[in-house]
Amino acid sequence: MEAKTKSEILLELWKEARTRFSNQLSGLTAEDLKKKLPLTQNSAGFLIRHVGDVELLFAKNVFGSDVKVSAKTLIAQHDTGEWTDLDALLEYVAYSGQTLEAIIKTQSESDWETSIVTKEFGTKTKVESLGRIISHTAHHGGQLAIILKYAHVDKPELKAEAI
């Protein structure tokens, strides 16, 4: 058995960690995308789009992909209510995942120790940056799970006291 490269190992790590987010997508309905927890801003649809936006930004800004990105959730800085097309969102996060996977595969052993500077999180090596995208996706995957489990659609009668 041939030893795995660092990129192969890190790709396996990223793919497994991403399942905390991606495994929730198969059972979604269009109605689920509108769900929010009481007294919060972000809907399930917003969070799904946001994960895709950030994955594409990482592919481009950290790993050097030539992908075009319009990070709408970062531009808007809040949920505008526009992320309600289930098929489009699922296609988008499939694309963002495939794009990030493809660029991770191209990294050489030495690339992982290359430092990247971003305004969002300063100077990090590519391997540290991978940890950042893993934790980002897992964080929002957890939020998505809570929203899908406990939130209702357009129920203004739910008050904070009911939580």
C-alpha atoms as a PDB file:
ATOM      1  CA  MET A   1       0.000   0.000   0.000  1.00  0.00           C
ATOM      2  CA  GLU A   2       1.395   3.335  -1.075  1.00  0.00           C
ATOM      3  CA  ALA A   3       1.638   6.085   1.521  1.00  0.00           C
ATOM      4  CA  LYS A   4      -0.844   8.919   1.142  1.00  0.00           C
ATOM      5  CA  THR A   5       0.284  12.435   0.399  1.00  0.00           C
ATOM      6  CA  LYS A   6      -0.408  15.269   2.797  1.00  0.00           C
ATOM      7  CA  SER A   7      -3.009  16.604   0.343  1.00  0.00           C
ATOM      8  CA  GLU A   8      -4.794  13.253   0.228  1.00  0.00           C
ATOM      9  CA  ILE A   9      -4.885  13.027   4.018  1.00  0.00           C
ATOM     10  CA  LEU A  10      -6.065  16.595   4.453  1.00  0.00           C
ATOM     11  CA  LEU A  11      -8.679  16.128   1.750  1.00  0.00           C
ATOM     12  CA  GLU A  12     -10.071  13.113   3.617  1.00  0.00           C
ATOM     13  CA  LEU A  13     -10.171  15.186   6.807  1.00  0.00           C
ATOM     14  CA  TRP A  14     -11.999  18.058   5.101  1.00  0.00           C
ATOM     15  CA  LYS A  15     -14.483  15.773   3.348  1.00  0.00           C
ATOM     16  CA  GLU A  16     -15.356  13.937   6.553  1.00  0.00           C
ATOM     17  CA  ALA A  17     -15.730  17.169   8.526  1.00  0.00           C
ATOM     18  CA  ARG A  18     -17.950  18.660   5.812  1.00  0.00           C
ATOM     19  CA  THR A  19     -20.447  15.824   6.256  1.00  0.00           C
ATOM     20  CA  ARG A  20     -21.639  17.582   9.446  1.00  0.00           C
ATOM     21  CA  PHE A  21     -23.065  20.135   6.994  1.00  0.00           C
ATOM     22  CA  SER A  22     -23.680  18.181   3.796  1.00  0.00           C
ATOM     23  CA  ASN A  23     -25.551  15.245   5.354  1.00  0.00           C
ATOM     24  CA  GLN A  24     -28.340  17.632   6.348  1.00  0.00           C
ATOM     25  CA  LEU A  25     -29.009  18.729   2.789  1.00  0.00           C
ATOM     26  CA  SER A  26     -30.655  15.600   1.412  1.00  0.00           C
ATOM     27  CA  GLY A  27     -33.828  15.911   3.465  1.00  0.00           C
ATOM     28  CA  LEU A  28     -34.410  19.623   2.978  1.00  0.00           C
ATOM     29  CA  THR A  29     -37.615  21.080   1.624  1.00  0.00           C
ATOM     30  CA  ALA A  30     -38.088  24.503   0.077  1.00  0.00           C
ATOM     31  CA  GLU A  31     -40.103  25.447   3.169  1.00  0.00           C
ATOM     32  CA  ASP A  32     -37.108  24.610   5.404  1.00  0.00           C
ATOM     33  CA  LEU A  33     -35.039  27.328   3.743  1.00  0.00           C
ATOM     34  CA  LYS A  34     -37.187  30.040   5.314  1.00  0.00           C
ATOM     35  CA  LYS A  35     -36.822  28.720   8.843  1.00  0.00           C
ATOM     36  CA  LYS A  36     -35.179  30.925  11.468  1.00  0.00           C
ATOM     37  CA  LEU A  37     -34.947  30.677  15.196  1.00  0.00           C
ATOM     38  CA  PRO A  38     -36.939  33.309  17.101  1.00  0.00           C
ATOM     39  CA  LEU A  39     -35.036  36.549  17.628  1.00  0.00           C
ATOM     40  CA  THR A  40     -32.352  35.633  15.074  1.00  0.00           C
ATOM     41  CA  GLN A  41     -31.584  36.943  11.593  1.00  0.00           C
ATOM     42  CA  ASN A  42     -30.278  34.071   9.516  1.00  0.00           C
ATOM     43  CA  SER A  43     -32.486  31.549   7.783  1.00  0.00           C
ATOM     44  CA  ALA A  44     -31.469  28.040   6.809  1.00  0.00           C
ATOM     45  CA  GLY A  45     -31.270  29.196   3.182  1.00  0.00           C
ATOM     46  CA  PHE A  46     -28.917  32.030   4.101  1.00  0.00           C
ATOM     47  CA  LEU A  47     -26.617  29.672   6.011  1.00  0.00           C
ATOM     48  CA  ILE A  48     -26.433  27.226   3.110  1.00  0.00           C
ATOM     49  CA  ARG A  49     -25.578  30.003   0.658  1.00  0.00           C
ATOM     50  CA  HIS A  50     -23.056  31.434   3.132  1.00  0.00           C
ATOM     51  CA  VAL A  51     -21.193  28.121   3.427  1.00  0.00           C
ATOM     52  CA  GLY A  52     -20.948  27.982  -0.371  1.00  0.00           C
ATOM     53  CA  ASP A  53     -19.756  31.586  -0.584  1.00  0.00           C
ATOM     54  CA  VAL A  54     -17.011  31.054   1.963  1.00  0.00           C
ATOM     55  CA  GLU A  55     -15.870  27.745   0.451  1.00  0.00           C
ATOM     56  CA  LEU A  56     -15.473  29.454  -2.924  1.00  0.00           C
ATOM     57  CA  LEU A  57     -13.613  32.371  -1.326  1.00  0.00           C
ATOM     58  CA  PHE A  58     -11.235  29.906   0.334  1.00  0.00           C
ATOM     59  CA  ALA A  59     -10.701  28.076  -2.942  1.00  0.00           C
ATOM     60  CA  LYS A  60      -9.803  31.372  -4.602  1.00  0.00           C
ATOM     61  CA  ASN A  61      -8.055  33.446  -1.933  1.00  0.00           C
ATOM     62  CA  VAL A  62      -6.288  30.729   0.065  1.00  0.00           C
ATOM     63  CA  PHE A  63      -5.666  27.943  -2.420  1.00  0.00           C
ATOM     64  CA  GLY A  64      -5.344  29.897  -5.670  1.00  0.00           C
ATOM     65  CA  SER A  65      -8.318  28.667  -7.697  1.00  0.00           C
ATOM     66  CA  ASP A  66      -9.312  30.874 -10.616  1.00  0.00           C
ATOM     67  CA  VAL A  67     -12.990  30.471  -9.676  1.00  0.00           C
ATOM     68  CA  LYS A  68     -15.274  33.502  -9.959  1.00  0.00           C
ATOM     69  CA  VAL A  69     -17.006  34.338  -6.686  1.00  0.00           C
ATOM     70  CA  SER A  70     -19.898  36.629  -5.850  1.00  0.00           C
ATOM     71  CA  ALA A  71     -20.137  36.171  -2.102  1.00  0.00           C
ATOM     72  CA  LYS A  72     -23.645  37.573  -1.773  1.00  0.00           C
ATOM     73  CA  THR A  73     -24.054  36.715   1.908  1.00  0.00           C
ATOM     74  CA  LEU A  74     -20.874  38.581   2.770  1.00  0.00           C
ATOM     75  CA  ILE A  75     -21.809  41.517   0.560  1.00  0.00           C
ATOM     76  CA  ALA A  76     -25.282  41.798   2.129  1.00  0.00           C
ATOM     77  CA  GLN A  77     -23.931  41.110   5.657  1.00  0.00           C
ATOM     78  CA  HIS A  78     -27.385  39.874   6.688  1.00  0.00           C
ATOM     79  CA  ASP A  79     -30.192  37.653   5.497  1.00  0.00           C
ATOM     80  CA  THR A  80     -32.127  39.444   2.771  1.00  0.00           C
ATOM     81  CA  GLY A  81     -34.665  36.642   2.424  1.00  0.00           C
ATOM     82  CA  GLU A  82     -33.625  35.806  -1.133  1.00  0.00           C
ATOM     83  CA  TRP A  83     -32.156  32.331  -0.514  1.00  0.00           C
ATOM     84  CA  THR A  84     -35.279  30.261  -1.054  1.00  0.00           C
ATOM     85  CA  ASP A  85     -34.550  28.293  -4.248  1.00  0.00           C
ATOM     86  CA  LEU A  86     -33.716  24.815  -2.961  1.00  0.00           C
ATOM     87  CA  ASP A  87     -32.360  23.418  -6.220  1.00  0.00           C
ATOM     88  CA  ALA A  88     -30.156  26.471  -6.814  1.00  0.00           C
ATOM     89  CA  LEU A  89     -28.752  26.346  -3.268  1.00  0.00           C
ATOM     90  CA  LEU A  90     -28.039  22.620  -3.425  1.00  0.00           C
ATOM     91  CA  GLU A  91     -26.335  23.078  -6.784  1.00  0.00           C
ATOM     92  CA  TYR A  92     -24.304  25.988  -5.407  1.00  0.00           C
ATOM     93  CA  VAL A  93     -22.963  24.133  -2.372  1.00  0.00           C
ATOM     94  CA  ALA A  94     -22.260  21.052  -4.493  1.00  0.00           C
ATOM     95  CA  TYR A  95     -20.238  23.309  -6.794  1.00  0.00           C
ATOM     96  CA  SER A  96     -18.432  25.021  -3.912  1.00  0.00           C
ATOM     97  CA  GLY A  97     -17.550  21.661  -2.380  1.00  0.00           C
ATOM     98  CA  GLN A  98     -16.313  20.269  -5.701  1.00  0.00           C
ATOM     99  CA  THR A  99     -14.291  23.427  -6.356  1.00  0.00           C
ATOM    100  CA  LEU A 100     -12.624  23.358  -2.957  1.00  0.00           C
ATOM    101  CA  GLU A 101     -11.943  19.622  -3.244  1.00  0.00           C
ATOM    102  CA  ALA A 102     -10.355  20.043  -6.674  1.00  0.00           C
ATOM    103  CA  ILE A 103      -8.002  22.801  -5.522  1.00  0.00           C
ATOM    104  CA  ILE A 104      -7.020  20.937  -2.337  1.00  0.00           C
ATOM    105  CA  LYS A 105      -5.993  17.984  -4.524  1.00  0.00           C
ATOM    106  CA  THR A 106      -3.560  20.190  -6.466  1.00  0.00           C
ATOM    107  CA  GLN A 107      -1.584  21.353  -3.420  1.00  0.00           C
ATOM    108  CA  SER A 108       1.967  20.084  -3.175  1.00  0.00           C
ATOM    109  CA  GLU A 109       3.552  18.967   0.082  1.00  0.00           C
ATOM    110  CA  SER A 110       5.335  22.308   0.477  1.00  0.00           C
ATOM    111  CA  ASP A 111       2.226  24.350  -0.446  1.00  0.00           C
ATOM    112  CA  TRP A 112       0.644  23.441   2.869  1.00  0.00           C
ATOM    113  CA  GLU A 113       3.307  25.421   4.763  1.00  0.00           C
ATOM    114  CA  THR A 114       2.926  28.515   2.555  1.00  0.00           C
ATOM    115  CA  SER A 115       1.657  31.530   4.481  1.00  0.00           C
ATOM    116  CA  ILE A 116      -1.448  33.323   3.275  1.00  0.00           C
ATOM    117  CA  VAL A 117      -2.472  36.783   4.465  1.00  0.00           C
ATOM    118  CA  THR A 118      -6.133  37.745   4.532  1.00  0.00           C
ATOM    119  CA  LYS A 119      -7.898  40.676   6.146  1.00  0.00           C
ATOM    120  CA  GLU A 120     -10.401  38.270   7.724  1.00  0.00           C
ATOM    121  CA  PHE A 121      -7.983  36.123   9.741  1.00  0.00           C
ATOM    122  CA  GLY A 122      -4.470  37.503   9.284  1.00  0.00           C
ATOM    123  CA  THR A 123      -1.491  35.334   8.421  1.00  0.00           C
ATOM    124  CA  LYS A 124      -2.028  31.578   8.397  1.00  0.00           C
ATOM    125  CA  THR A 125      -0.408  28.678   6.616  1.00  0.00           C
ATOM    126  CA  LYS A 126      -2.574  26.856   4.092  1.00  0.00           C
ATOM    127  CA  VAL A 127      -2.911  23.939   6.507  1.00  0.00           C
ATOM    128  CA  GLU A 128      -4.066  26.311   9.265  1.00  0.00           C
ATOM    129  CA  SER A 129      -6.451  27.892   6.765  1.00  0.00           C
ATOM    130  CA  LEU A 130      -7.903  24.487   6.005  1.00  0.00           C
ATOM    131  CA  GLY A 131      -8.621  24.155   9.720  1.00  0.00           C
ATOM    132  CA  ARG A 132     -10.400  27.483   9.498  1.00  0.00           C
ATOM    133  CA  ILE A 133     -12.716  26.404   6.667  1.00  0.00           C
ATOM    134  CA  ILE A 134     -13.385  23.095   8.405  1.00  0.00           C
ATOM    135  CA  SER A 135     -14.426  24.856  11.609  1.00  0.00           C
ATOM    136  CA  HIS A 136     -16.438  27.458   9.679  1.00  0.00           C
ATOM    137  CA  THR A 137     -18.488  24.843   7.852  1.00  0.00           C
ATOM    138  CA  ALA A 138     -18.972  22.766  10.994  1.00  0.00           C
ATOM    139  CA  HIS A 139     -20.064  25.857  12.944  1.00  0.00           C
ATOM    140  CA  HIS A 140     -22.729  26.740  10.407  1.00  0.00           C
ATOM    141  CA  GLY A 141     -23.631  23.073   9.983  1.00  0.00           C
ATOM    142  CA  GLY A 142     -24.464  23.040  13.691  1.00  0.00           C
ATOM    143  CA  GLN A 143     -26.544  26.182  13.356  1.00  0.00           C
ATOM    144  CA  LEU A 144     -28.375  24.639  10.407  1.00  0.00           C
ATOM    145  CA  ALA A 145     -29.111  21.492  12.413  1.00  0.00           C
ATOM    146  CA  ILE A 146     -30.599  23.515  15.271  1.00  0.00           C
ATOM    147  CA  ILE A 147     -32.691  25.632  12.911  1.00  0.00           C
ATOM    148  CA  LEU A 148     -34.022  22.583  11.085  1.00  0.00           C
ATOM    149  CA  LYS A 149     -34.856  20.834  14.345  1.00  0.00           C
ATOM    150  CA  TYR A 150     -36.432  23.662  16.315  1.00  0.00           C
ATOM    151  CA  ALA A 151     -37.432  26.547  14.046  1.00  0.00           C
ATOM    152  CA  HIS A 152     -40.754  27.191  12.383  1.00  0.00           C
ATOM    153  CA  VAL A 153     -41.590  29.215   9.312  1.00  0.00           C
ATOM    154  CA  ASP A 154     -43.162  32.635   9.784  1.00  0.00           C
ATOM    155  CA  LYS A 155     -44.494  32.085  13.271  1.00  0.00           C
ATOM    156  CA  PRO A 156     -44.437  35.587  14.760  1.00  0.00           C
ATOM    157  CA  GLU A 157     -46.476  34.347  17.695  1.00  0.00           C
ATOM    158  CA  LEU A 158     -43.390  32.481  18.955  1.00  0.00           C
ATOM    159  CA  LYS A 159     -41.812  34.614  21.610  1.00  0.00           C
ATOM    160  CA  ALA A 160     -38.423  34.320  23.258  1.00  0.00           C
ATOM    161  CA  GLU A 161     -40.170  33.213  26.462  1.00  0.00           C
ATOM    162  CA  ALA A 162     -41.390  30.069  24.666  1.00  0.00           C
ATOM    163  CA  ILE A 163     -37.849  28.877  24.006  1.00  0.00           C
END
